[in-house]
Structures are given as structure tokens and as C-alpha cells.
Amino acid sequence: MIFPDIDPVVHIGPLALQWGPLAIRWYALAYVAGILLGWRYAVRMVKTPSLWGGRTPTATPIQIDDLVLWLTLGIILGGRLGYILFYMLMNEGQRGGLAANPLAAFKIWEGGMSFHGGFLGVCVAILLFARQQKIDVLKLGDLIAPVAPIGIFFGRVANYINGELWGRVTDHPFGVIFCNQTIQAANGGRCPA
């Protein structure tokens, strides 16, 4: 198989748009796209009677609207808390110390969120929402399961754009060279994993 002769160097940075001090990052767009499209898909599912086989849907469209707020808070708070716990506190010496500068925990633009923290935040949000709304948590999970890949997809696209999905060095024609200075300095660029 012959691959097209294209430049393998990825020249995209983490900023999608910038107007002076205001910057919109690809991650922000990925979160917004994932949440909005996932929300629309979940509402569409509960409004499609054929999916429920004559049974009542797990949630109403209004409950889905409320759930999206809970999930968004779970993603943001859990993701940030996970980043603080797993990266900032574990790398105290590298960052000048979170204890010396506790306000650094609120500077999302200087480090971000962790997937595993966001996942745990979403799990907590689902449990709390199901309890408050008196919905079976497993049935709610069945409703959320087909929606989650939408957000994960957009998150992975943002990972790729930021040059974070790299693996072994390769000389294959489908390999990609990321222009991330840290990766270049340490490894000479890598292909996506």
C-alpha cells in the first residue's frame, strides 16, 4: 500500500483562536462539542419510543437537561481535582510547590484536567443525580453509555491536536512528527499511539 506523500509534521498548537489576552483552546471546544452533542443525542434517545420497547424511558428530556449540568460539573470539578491530586501534588518539586502557591490549583490555563479525575467526577455526579431523582443508577448508566463515546472522541481529537498521543518512534509513512518542543527535545518526535 502506498501512502500519499504528505508532510508528516503536525503544526497545530493548543490554541484554536486568540484575540489579545482572550484565548480559546481546542480542549474547550472539544468539551463544548462533546457535551452539546451528547446532550442532544441523549434527549433524542429518550424521545424515541422504539428504543424502549413499550417501557417508560429511564429519564424525561427535562431530567436529561438537569443531568447534563450535573455531568458538566462532574467533568470539570473531577477533572481539575484529579489533575491537582495526580499531577500537581505528585510533582511538588517540579512546580515550585502547591503548598507555597495554593492559588495555582485554580489556574486551569497553566495545567489542566485529568481524564481519570473527570471520569470519577462523572461517576459521582451520576450517583448523586440518580439518588436525587430516584432513578435506578444502572438504568441511567445504560442511557449514558452510548453517549459517553461522543465526548471521549472529541477529547481524543484535542489530545492529538495538542501532540499528546505519541508512542514509539517509527519510520513508517503514516507516522506523525509532533512539533511539541518537549517531545522533540527528549525523543526527536514520535508517532501517535
N, C-alpha and C. Protein backbone atom coordinates (compact mmCIF):
# COMPACT_ATOMS: atom_id res chain seq x y z
N MET A 1 0.85 -1.17 0.00
CA MET A 1 0.00 0.00 0.00
C MET A 1 0.90 1.24 0.00
N ILE A 2 0.59 2.17 -0.85
CA ILE A 2 1.37 3.40 -0.93
C ILE A 2 0.57 4.53 -0.29
N PHE A 3 1.20 5.21 0.64
CA PHE A 3 0.56 6.33 1.31
C PHE A 3 0.88 7.61 0.55
N PRO A 4 -0.02 8.58 0.59
CA PRO A 4 0.26 9.84 -0.10
C PRO A 4 1.49 10.53 0.50
N ASP A 5 2.22 11.21 -0.34
CA ASP A 5 3.42 11.91 0.09
C ASP A 5 3.03 13.25 0.69
N ILE A 6 2.79 13.24 2.01
CA ILE A 6 2.39 14.47 2.69
C ILE A 6 3.40 14.79 3.79
N ASP A 7 3.43 16.02 4.21
CA ASP A 7 4.31 16.45 5.28
C ASP A 7 3.84 15.81 6.59
N PRO A 8 4.66 14.99 7.24
CA PRO A 8 4.22 14.32 8.46
C PRO A 8 4.27 15.19 9.71
N VAL A 9 4.72 16.43 9.58
CA VAL A 9 4.87 17.28 10.75
C VAL A 9 3.54 17.96 11.07
N VAL A 10 3.07 17.80 12.30
CA VAL A 10 1.83 18.42 12.74
C VAL A 10 2.17 19.82 13.27
N HIS A 11 1.57 20.84 12.67
CA HIS A 11 1.88 22.23 13.04
C HIS A 11 0.72 22.91 13.76
N ILE A 12 -0.11 22.16 14.44
CA ILE A 12 -1.25 22.74 15.13
C ILE A 12 -0.89 22.91 16.60
N GLY A 13 -1.26 24.04 17.16
CA GLY A 13 -0.98 24.29 18.58
C GLY A 13 -2.23 24.13 19.42
N PRO A 14 -2.12 24.32 20.72
CA PRO A 14 -3.26 24.12 21.62
C PRO A 14 -4.33 25.21 21.52
N LEU A 15 -4.00 26.36 20.91
CA LEU A 15 -4.97 27.45 20.81
C LEU A 15 -5.73 27.37 19.49
N ALA A 16 -7.05 27.36 19.57
CA ALA A 16 -7.88 27.36 18.37
C ALA A 16 -8.03 28.79 17.85
N LEU A 17 -8.28 29.73 18.75
CA LEU A 17 -8.46 31.15 18.42
C LEU A 17 -7.85 32.00 19.52
N GLN A 18 -7.38 33.18 19.13
CA GLN A 18 -6.87 34.09 20.14
C GLN A 18 -7.11 35.53 19.70
N TRP A 19 -7.69 36.32 20.61
CA TRP A 19 -7.90 37.75 20.41
C TRP A 19 -7.27 38.46 21.59
N GLY A 20 -6.09 38.96 21.42
CA GLY A 20 -5.39 39.60 22.53
C GLY A 20 -5.20 38.62 23.67
N PRO A 21 -5.61 39.00 24.88
CA PRO A 21 -5.43 38.08 26.01
C PRO A 21 -6.45 36.94 26.06
N LEU A 22 -7.53 37.05 25.28
CA LEU A 22 -8.56 36.01 25.28
C LEU A 22 -8.15 34.88 24.34
N ALA A 23 -8.04 33.69 24.89
CA ALA A 23 -7.64 32.53 24.10
C ALA A 23 -8.67 31.41 24.26
N ILE A 24 -9.02 30.81 23.14
CA ILE A 24 -9.92 29.65 23.16
C ILE A 24 -9.09 28.45 22.73
N ARG A 25 -9.03 27.48 23.60
CA ARG A 25 -8.21 26.29 23.34
C ARG A 25 -9.05 25.19 22.69
N TRP A 26 -8.34 24.30 22.00
CA TRP A 26 -9.01 23.16 21.36
C TRP A 26 -9.73 22.32 22.40
N TYR A 27 -9.13 22.19 23.58
CA TYR A 27 -9.79 21.41 24.63
C TYR A 27 -11.14 22.00 24.99
N ALA A 28 -11.22 23.32 25.09
CA ALA A 28 -12.50 23.95 25.43
C ALA A 28 -13.54 23.64 24.36
N LEU A 29 -13.14 23.74 23.10
CA LEU A 29 -14.07 23.42 22.01
C LEU A 29 -14.47 21.95 22.04
N ALA A 30 -13.52 21.08 22.40
CA ALA A 30 -13.83 19.65 22.49
C ALA A 30 -14.84 19.38 23.60
N TYR A 31 -14.65 20.01 24.75
CA TYR A 31 -15.60 19.84 25.85
C TYR A 31 -16.99 20.33 25.44
N VAL A 32 -17.04 21.52 24.86
CA VAL A 32 -18.34 22.09 24.47
C VAL A 32 -19.02 21.21 23.43
N ALA A 33 -18.27 20.79 22.40
CA ALA A 33 -18.86 19.94 21.35
C ALA A 33 -19.33 18.61 21.92
N GLY A 34 -18.52 17.98 22.75
CA GLY A 34 -18.89 16.69 23.33
C GLY A 34 -20.12 16.79 24.21
N ILE A 35 -20.18 17.82 25.03
CA ILE A 35 -21.33 17.98 25.94
C ILE A 35 -22.59 18.30 25.15
N LEU A 36 -22.52 19.24 24.21
CA LEU A 36 -23.71 19.63 23.46
C LEU A 36 -24.24 18.50 22.57
N LEU A 37 -23.33 17.82 21.86
CA LEU A 37 -23.79 16.72 21.00
C LEU A 37 -24.27 15.53 21.82
N GLY A 38 -23.59 15.24 22.93
CA GLY A 38 -24.04 14.16 23.81
C GLY A 38 -25.41 14.46 24.41
N TRP A 39 -25.62 15.70 24.79
CA TRP A 39 -26.91 16.15 25.33
C TRP A 39 -28.01 15.94 24.31
N ARG A 40 -27.76 16.39 23.09
CA ARG A 40 -28.76 16.25 22.03
C ARG A 40 -29.08 14.78 21.76
N TYR A 41 -28.04 13.96 21.74
CA TYR A 41 -28.23 12.53 21.48
C TYR A 41 -29.04 11.87 22.60
N ALA A 42 -28.74 12.21 23.85
CA ALA A 42 -29.47 11.62 24.98
C ALA A 42 -30.94 12.02 24.95
N VAL A 43 -31.22 13.28 24.65
CA VAL A 43 -32.62 13.74 24.56
C VAL A 43 -33.33 13.01 23.43
N ARG A 44 -32.63 12.85 22.33
CA ARG A 44 -33.23 12.14 21.19
C ARG A 44 -33.54 10.68 21.55
N MET A 45 -32.64 10.06 22.30
CA MET A 45 -32.87 8.67 22.70
C MET A 45 -34.12 8.54 23.58
N VAL A 46 -34.28 9.44 24.56
CA VAL A 46 -35.45 9.30 25.44
C VAL A 46 -36.75 9.67 24.73
N LYS A 47 -36.64 10.38 23.61
CA LYS A 47 -37.84 10.74 22.84
C LYS A 47 -38.17 9.73 21.74
N THR A 48 -37.37 8.66 21.63
CA THR A 48 -37.58 7.64 20.60
C THR A 48 -38.22 6.42 21.25
N PRO A 49 -39.56 6.26 21.12
CA PRO A 49 -40.27 5.16 21.79
C PRO A 49 -39.78 3.77 21.39
N SER A 50 -39.34 3.60 20.15
CA SER A 50 -38.93 2.27 19.70
C SER A 50 -37.70 1.75 20.46
N LEU A 51 -36.93 2.63 21.04
CA LEU A 51 -35.76 2.20 21.82
C LEU A 51 -36.14 1.59 23.16
N TRP A 52 -37.35 1.87 23.62
CA TRP A 52 -37.74 1.48 24.97
C TRP A 52 -38.68 0.28 24.99
N GLY A 53 -39.04 -0.26 23.83
CA GLY A 53 -39.85 -1.48 23.78
C GLY A 53 -41.14 -1.41 24.57
N GLY A 54 -41.82 -0.29 24.53
CA GLY A 54 -43.07 -0.14 25.25
C GLY A 54 -42.93 0.26 26.70
N ARG A 55 -41.70 0.26 27.22
CA ARG A 55 -41.47 0.68 28.61
C ARG A 55 -41.29 2.20 28.66
N THR A 56 -41.39 2.74 29.85
CA THR A 56 -41.16 4.17 30.06
C THR A 56 -39.65 4.43 29.98
N PRO A 57 -39.22 5.48 29.28
CA PRO A 57 -37.78 5.79 29.24
C PRO A 57 -37.22 6.03 30.65
N THR A 58 -35.95 5.80 30.79
CA THR A 58 -35.27 5.97 32.08
C THR A 58 -35.42 7.38 32.64
N ALA A 59 -35.41 8.37 31.77
CA ALA A 59 -35.48 9.77 32.19
C ALA A 59 -36.31 10.55 31.20
N THR A 60 -36.80 11.69 31.64
CA THR A 60 -37.53 12.60 30.76
C THR A 60 -36.52 13.55 30.12
N PRO A 61 -36.90 14.22 29.04
CA PRO A 61 -35.99 15.22 28.46
C PRO A 61 -35.58 16.30 29.47
N ILE A 62 -36.49 16.69 30.34
CA ILE A 62 -36.14 17.70 31.36
C ILE A 62 -35.11 17.14 32.34
N GLN A 63 -35.25 15.86 32.70
CA GLN A 63 -34.25 15.25 33.58
C GLN A 63 -32.90 15.16 32.88
N ILE A 64 -32.91 14.92 31.57
CA ILE A 64 -31.65 14.89 30.82
C ILE A 64 -31.00 16.27 30.87
N ASP A 65 -31.80 17.32 30.71
CA ASP A 65 -31.27 18.68 30.81
C ASP A 65 -30.58 18.90 32.16
N ASP A 66 -31.22 18.46 33.22
CA ASP A 66 -30.63 18.59 34.56
C ASP A 66 -29.38 17.72 34.70
N LEU A 67 -29.44 16.52 34.16
CA LEU A 67 -28.31 15.60 34.23
C LEU A 67 -27.08 16.19 33.55
N VAL A 68 -27.28 16.87 32.44
CA VAL A 68 -26.14 17.46 31.72
C VAL A 68 -25.41 18.47 32.61
N LEU A 69 -26.14 19.25 33.38
CA LEU A 69 -25.50 20.18 34.31
C LEU A 69 -24.68 19.42 35.36
N TRP A 70 -25.26 18.37 35.93
CA TRP A 70 -24.54 17.55 36.92
C TRP A 70 -23.27 16.95 36.30
N LEU A 71 -23.41 16.40 35.09
CA LEU A 71 -22.27 15.76 34.44
C LEU A 71 -21.19 16.78 34.10
N THR A 72 -21.60 17.96 33.64
CA THR A 72 -20.63 19.00 33.32
C THR A 72 -19.84 19.40 34.56
N LEU A 73 -20.53 19.57 35.67
CA LEU A 73 -19.83 19.87 36.93
C LEU A 73 -18.91 18.72 37.34
N GLY A 74 -19.37 17.48 37.15
CA GLY A 74 -18.54 16.32 37.46
C GLY A 74 -17.29 16.27 36.60
N ILE A 75 -17.43 16.58 35.32
CA ILE A 75 -16.28 16.59 34.41
C ILE A 75 -15.28 17.65 34.85
N ILE A 76 -15.76 18.87 35.06
CA ILE A 76 -14.87 19.99 35.36
C ILE A 76 -14.24 19.86 36.75
N LEU A 77 -15.08 19.66 37.77
CA LEU A 77 -14.55 19.58 39.13
C LEU A 77 -13.70 18.32 39.33
N GLY A 78 -14.20 17.18 38.84
CA GLY A 78 -13.44 15.95 38.97
C GLY A 78 -12.15 15.98 38.17
N GLY A 79 -12.23 16.51 36.94
CA GLY A 79 -11.04 16.60 36.10
C GLY A 79 -9.97 17.48 36.71
N ARG A 80 -10.38 18.61 37.25
CA ARG A 80 -9.40 19.52 37.86
C ARG A 80 -8.86 18.95 39.16
N LEU A 81 -9.74 18.41 40.00
CA LEU A 81 -9.28 17.81 41.25
C LEU A 81 -8.33 16.65 40.97
N GLY A 82 -8.65 15.84 39.96
CA GLY A 82 -7.76 14.75 39.58
C GLY A 82 -6.40 15.25 39.14
N TYR A 83 -6.39 16.34 38.37
CA TYR A 83 -5.12 16.92 37.93
C TYR A 83 -4.31 17.40 39.13
N ILE A 84 -4.98 18.07 40.05
CA ILE A 84 -4.28 18.57 41.24
C ILE A 84 -3.70 17.41 42.05
N LEU A 85 -4.51 16.38 42.29
CA LEU A 85 -4.06 15.25 43.10
C LEU A 85 -3.00 14.41 42.41
N PHE A 86 -3.23 14.07 41.13
CA PHE A 86 -2.36 13.13 40.44
C PHE A 86 -1.12 13.78 39.84
N TYR A 87 -1.17 15.06 39.52
CA TYR A 87 -0.04 15.68 38.84
C TYR A 87 0.62 16.80 39.64
N MET A 88 -0.18 17.70 40.20
CA MET A 88 0.43 18.82 40.92
C MET A 88 1.03 18.39 42.25
N LEU A 89 0.30 17.59 43.02
CA LEU A 89 0.82 17.17 44.32
C LEU A 89 1.92 16.13 44.19
N MET A 90 1.84 15.28 43.17
CA MET A 90 2.86 14.26 42.99
C MET A 90 4.15 14.83 42.41
N ASN A 91 4.08 16.00 41.80
CA ASN A 91 5.25 16.64 41.22
C ASN A 91 5.54 17.95 41.95
N GLU A 92 5.43 17.95 43.26
CA GLU A 92 5.61 19.15 44.08
C GLU A 92 6.90 19.88 43.74
N GLY A 93 7.99 19.17 43.65
CA GLY A 93 9.29 19.81 43.42
C GLY A 93 9.39 20.47 42.06
N GLN A 94 8.74 19.93 41.05
CA GLN A 94 8.84 20.46 39.69
C GLN A 94 8.03 21.74 39.51
N ARG A 95 7.01 21.97 40.30
CA ARG A 95 6.12 23.11 40.08
C ARG A 95 6.34 24.24 41.10
N GLY A 96 7.36 24.14 41.89
CA GLY A 96 7.59 25.18 42.89
C GLY A 96 6.76 24.98 44.14
N GLY A 97 5.96 23.95 44.17
CA GLY A 97 5.21 23.62 45.37
C GLY A 97 3.83 24.21 45.42
N LEU A 98 2.84 23.33 45.47
CA LEU A 98 1.44 23.76 45.59
C LEU A 98 1.20 24.37 46.97
N ALA A 99 1.91 23.88 47.97
CA ALA A 99 1.77 24.42 49.32
C ALA A 99 2.24 25.87 49.37
N ALA A 100 3.28 26.20 48.61
CA ALA A 100 3.79 27.57 48.58
C ALA A 100 2.89 28.50 47.76
N ASN A 101 2.17 27.94 46.80
CA ASN A 101 1.30 28.74 45.94
C ASN A 101 -0.03 28.02 45.73
N PRO A 102 -0.91 27.99 46.74
CA PRO A 102 -2.16 27.23 46.62
C PRO A 102 -3.11 27.76 45.55
N LEU A 103 -2.98 29.03 45.17
CA LEU A 103 -3.85 29.58 44.12
C LEU A 103 -3.55 28.96 42.75
N ALA A 104 -2.40 28.30 42.62
CA ALA A 104 -2.08 27.63 41.36
C ALA A 104 -3.10 26.54 41.04
N ALA A 105 -3.77 26.02 42.05
CA ALA A 105 -4.80 25.00 41.83
C ALA A 105 -5.95 25.53 40.99
N PHE A 106 -6.19 26.84 41.03
CA PHE A 106 -7.30 27.44 40.29
C PHE A 106 -6.90 27.91 38.89
N LYS A 107 -5.63 27.85 38.56
CA LYS A 107 -5.14 28.32 37.26
C LYS A 107 -5.23 27.20 36.23
N ILE A 108 -6.43 26.97 35.74
CA ILE A 108 -6.66 25.88 34.79
C ILE A 108 -5.84 26.07 33.53
N TRP A 109 -5.59 27.29 33.13
CA TRP A 109 -4.84 27.57 31.91
C TRP A 109 -3.36 27.23 32.05
N GLU A 110 -2.88 26.95 33.26
CA GLU A 110 -1.48 26.56 33.48
C GLU A 110 -1.40 25.08 33.84
N GLY A 111 -2.05 24.27 33.17
CA GLY A 111 -2.18 22.86 33.50
C GLY A 111 -3.65 22.61 33.46
N GLY A 112 -4.05 21.42 33.39
CA GLY A 112 -5.45 21.29 33.08
C GLY A 112 -6.23 20.33 33.92
N MET A 113 -6.71 19.33 33.24
CA MET A 113 -7.64 18.40 33.84
C MET A 113 -7.12 16.99 33.53
N SER A 114 -7.55 16.05 34.33
CA SER A 114 -7.16 14.67 34.06
C SER A 114 -8.39 13.87 33.66
N PHE A 115 -8.19 12.95 32.74
CA PHE A 115 -9.29 12.10 32.28
C PHE A 115 -9.84 11.28 33.44
N HIS A 116 -8.94 10.65 34.19
CA HIS A 116 -9.39 9.77 35.27
C HIS A 116 -10.10 10.56 36.37
N GLY A 117 -9.68 11.79 36.64
CA GLY A 117 -10.40 12.63 37.60
C GLY A 117 -11.78 13.00 37.08
N GLY A 118 -11.86 13.34 35.78
CA GLY A 118 -13.15 13.65 35.17
C GLY A 118 -14.08 12.45 35.18
N PHE A 119 -13.52 11.26 34.93
CA PHE A 119 -14.32 10.04 34.95
C PHE A 119 -14.90 9.80 36.35
N LEU A 120 -14.05 9.94 37.36
CA LEU A 120 -14.54 9.77 38.73
C LEU A 120 -15.57 10.83 39.09
N GLY A 121 -15.36 12.06 38.63
CA GLY A 121 -16.33 13.13 38.87
C GLY A 121 -17.67 12.83 38.23
N VAL A 122 -17.64 12.28 37.02
CA VAL A 122 -18.88 11.90 36.33
C VAL A 122 -19.58 10.77 37.08
N CYS A 123 -18.81 9.79 37.55
CA CYS A 123 -19.42 8.68 38.32
C CYS A 123 -20.12 9.20 39.57
N VAL A 124 -19.48 10.11 40.28
CA VAL A 124 -20.09 10.69 41.48
C VAL A 124 -21.34 11.48 41.10
N ALA A 125 -21.26 12.26 40.01
CA ALA A 125 -22.42 13.05 39.56
C ALA A 125 -23.59 12.14 39.20
N ILE A 126 -23.31 11.02 38.54
CA ILE A 126 -24.38 10.08 38.17
C ILE A 126 -25.03 9.50 39.42
N LEU A 127 -24.21 9.08 40.38
CA LEU A 127 -24.75 8.52 41.62
C LEU A 127 -25.62 9.53 42.36
N LEU A 128 -25.14 10.75 42.48
CA LEU A 128 -25.90 11.78 43.19
C LEU A 128 -27.19 12.14 42.45
N PHE A 129 -27.10 12.27 41.13
CA PHE A 129 -28.28 12.61 40.34
C PHE A 129 -29.32 11.49 40.42
N ALA A 130 -28.88 10.25 40.27
CA ALA A 130 -29.81 9.11 40.33
C ALA A 130 -30.49 9.04 41.69
N ARG A 131 -29.74 9.30 42.73
CA ARG A 131 -30.32 9.28 44.07
C ARG A 131 -31.34 10.41 44.25
N GLN A 132 -30.98 11.61 43.79
CA GLN A 132 -31.88 12.75 43.94
C GLN A 132 -33.17 12.56 43.13
N GLN A 133 -33.04 12.02 41.91
CA GLN A 133 -34.19 11.86 41.01
C GLN A 133 -34.91 10.52 41.20
N LYS A 134 -34.37 9.67 42.08
CA LYS A 134 -34.95 8.33 42.33
C LYS A 134 -35.01 7.50 41.04
N ILE A 135 -33.89 7.49 40.33
CA ILE A 135 -33.74 6.72 39.10
C ILE A 135 -32.76 5.59 39.40
N ASP A 136 -33.04 4.40 38.88
CA ASP A 136 -32.12 3.27 39.03
C ASP A 136 -30.80 3.64 38.36
N VAL A 137 -29.71 3.61 39.13
CA VAL A 137 -28.42 4.06 38.63
C VAL A 137 -27.94 3.19 37.46
N LEU A 138 -28.27 1.90 37.45
CA LEU A 138 -27.85 1.04 36.34
C LEU A 138 -28.61 1.39 35.06
N LYS A 139 -29.88 1.70 35.18
CA LYS A 139 -30.65 2.12 34.00
C LYS A 139 -30.15 3.47 33.49
N LEU A 140 -29.79 4.35 34.40
CA LEU A 140 -29.22 5.63 33.99
C LEU A 140 -27.87 5.40 33.30
N GLY A 141 -27.10 4.47 33.80
CA GLY A 141 -25.84 4.11 33.15
C GLY A 141 -26.05 3.58 31.74
N ASP A 142 -27.11 2.78 31.56
CA ASP A 142 -27.44 2.28 30.22
C ASP A 142 -27.79 3.42 29.26
N LEU A 143 -28.38 4.47 29.79
CA LEU A 143 -28.72 5.63 28.96
C LEU A 143 -27.47 6.44 28.63
N ILE A 144 -26.56 6.55 29.57
CA ILE A 144 -25.36 7.37 29.39
C ILE A 144 -24.30 6.65 28.55
N ALA A 145 -24.23 5.34 28.63
CA ALA A 145 -23.17 4.58 27.96
C ALA A 145 -23.03 4.87 26.47
N PRO A 146 -24.11 4.94 25.69
CA PRO A 146 -23.92 5.24 24.27
C PRO A 146 -23.57 6.71 23.99
N VAL A 147 -23.76 7.56 24.98
CA VAL A 147 -23.50 9.00 24.81
C VAL A 147 -22.03 9.32 25.11
N ALA A 148 -21.44 8.63 26.06
CA ALA A 148 -20.08 8.93 26.52
C ALA A 148 -19.04 8.92 25.40
N PRO A 149 -19.08 7.99 24.44
CA PRO A 149 -18.05 8.00 23.39
C PRO A 149 -17.99 9.29 22.58
N ILE A 150 -19.08 10.03 22.52
CA ILE A 150 -19.07 11.29 21.79
C ILE A 150 -18.08 12.26 22.45
N GLY A 151 -18.18 12.42 23.75
CA GLY A 151 -17.26 13.29 24.47
C GLY A 151 -15.84 12.78 24.44
N ILE A 152 -15.67 11.47 24.59
CA ILE A 152 -14.33 10.88 24.57
C ILE A 152 -13.68 11.09 23.20
N PHE A 153 -14.46 10.97 22.13
CA PHE A 153 -13.93 11.20 20.78
C PHE A 153 -13.37 12.62 20.65
N PHE A 154 -14.16 13.61 21.03
CA PHE A 154 -13.70 14.99 20.90
C PHE A 154 -12.49 15.26 21.80
N GLY A 155 -12.46 14.64 22.97
CA GLY A 155 -11.31 14.78 23.85
C GLY A 155 -10.05 14.21 23.22
N ARG A 156 -10.19 13.06 22.55
CA ARG A 156 -9.03 12.45 21.89
C ARG A 156 -8.55 13.29 20.70
N VAL A 157 -9.48 13.90 19.99
CA VAL A 157 -9.08 14.80 18.89
C VAL A 157 -8.27 15.96 19.47
N ALA A 158 -8.71 16.52 20.58
CA ALA A 158 -7.96 17.61 21.23
C ALA A 158 -6.60 17.11 21.71
N ASN A 159 -6.53 15.88 22.24
CA ASN A 159 -5.23 15.29 22.62
C ASN A 159 -4.29 15.25 21.43
N TYR A 160 -4.80 14.81 20.29
CA TYR A 160 -3.99 14.71 19.07
C TYR A 160 -3.51 16.09 18.63
N ILE A 161 -4.42 17.06 18.62
CA ILE A 161 -4.05 18.41 18.20
C ILE A 161 -2.96 18.98 19.11
N ASN A 162 -3.02 18.68 20.40
CA ASN A 162 -2.01 19.16 21.34
C ASN A 162 -0.72 18.35 21.28
N GLY A 163 -0.68 17.30 20.48
CA GLY A 163 0.52 16.49 20.37
C GLY A 163 0.76 15.63 21.58
N GLU A 164 -0.30 15.13 22.19
CA GLU A 164 -0.17 14.34 23.42
C GLU A 164 -0.31 12.84 23.19
N LEU A 165 -0.72 12.43 22.02
CA LEU A 165 -0.91 10.99 21.76
C LEU A 165 0.27 10.46 20.96
N TRP A 166 1.35 10.25 21.64
CA TRP A 166 2.52 9.77 20.94
C TRP A 166 2.97 8.44 21.51
N GLY A 167 3.67 7.70 20.68
CA GLY A 167 4.11 6.36 21.07
C GLY A 167 5.55 6.14 20.65
N ARG A 168 5.84 4.96 20.14
CA ARG A 168 7.20 4.62 19.73
C ARG A 168 7.63 5.42 18.50
N VAL A 169 8.93 5.66 18.39
CA VAL A 169 9.48 6.29 17.19
C VAL A 169 9.29 5.33 16.03
N THR A 170 8.88 5.85 14.87
CA THR A 170 8.64 5.00 13.71
C THR A 170 9.18 5.66 12.45
N ASP A 171 9.48 4.83 11.46
CA ASP A 171 9.85 5.37 10.15
C ASP A 171 8.79 5.00 9.11
N HIS A 172 7.63 4.54 9.58
CA HIS A 172 6.53 4.21 8.68
C HIS A 172 5.97 5.49 8.06
N PRO A 173 5.41 5.37 6.85
CA PRO A 173 4.90 6.57 6.18
C PRO A 173 3.69 7.20 6.85
N PHE A 174 2.99 6.47 7.73
CA PHE A 174 1.84 7.06 8.41
C PHE A 174 2.23 7.66 9.76
N GLY A 175 3.51 7.66 10.08
CA GLY A 175 3.97 8.27 11.33
C GLY A 175 3.81 9.78 11.28
N VAL A 176 3.64 10.37 12.43
CA VAL A 176 3.45 11.81 12.54
C VAL A 176 4.54 12.37 13.44
N ILE A 177 5.09 13.51 13.05
CA ILE A 177 6.09 14.19 13.87
C ILE A 177 5.40 15.37 14.54
N PHE A 178 5.38 15.36 15.84
CA PHE A 178 4.77 16.46 16.57
C PHE A 178 5.81 17.55 16.81
N CYS A 179 5.39 18.78 16.71
CA CYS A 179 6.30 19.92 16.89
C CYS A 179 6.34 20.40 18.34
N ASN A 180 5.90 19.58 19.25
CA ASN A 180 5.96 19.91 20.66
C ASN A 180 7.43 19.92 21.07
N GLN A 181 7.92 21.04 21.59
CA GLN A 181 9.34 21.17 21.90
C GLN A 181 9.81 20.15 22.93
N THR A 182 8.98 19.82 23.90
CA THR A 182 9.37 18.85 24.92
C THR A 182 9.61 17.48 24.30
N ILE A 183 8.69 17.07 23.42
CA ILE A 183 8.82 15.77 22.76
C ILE A 183 10.03 15.79 21.82
N GLN A 184 10.18 16.88 21.07
CA GLN A 184 11.30 16.99 20.15
C GLN A 184 12.63 16.89 20.89
N ALA A 185 12.74 17.60 22.01
CA ALA A 185 14.00 17.61 22.76
C ALA A 185 14.31 16.24 23.35
N ALA A 186 13.29 15.58 23.87
CA ALA A 186 13.52 14.30 24.55
C ALA A 186 13.65 13.13 23.58
N ASN A 187 12.85 13.13 22.51
CA ASN A 187 12.75 11.92 21.70
C ASN A 187 12.87 12.14 20.20
N GLY A 188 12.99 13.35 19.75
CA GLY A 188 13.06 13.58 18.31
C GLY A 188 11.72 13.42 17.62
N GLY A 189 10.63 13.56 18.33
CA GLY A 189 9.29 13.41 17.75
C GLY A 189 8.84 11.97 17.82
N ARG A 190 7.56 11.74 17.87
CA ARG A 190 7.02 10.39 17.95
C ARG A 190 5.73 10.30 17.16
N CYS A 191 5.35 9.09 16.87
CA CYS A 191 4.10 8.90 16.15
C CYS A 191 2.96 8.70 17.14
N PRO A 192 1.72 8.89 16.70
CA PRO A 192 0.61 8.68 17.63
C PRO A 192 0.52 7.24 18.09
N ALA A 193 0.13 7.05 19.34
CA ALA A 193 -0.01 5.69 19.89
C ALA A 193 -1.31 5.09 19.44
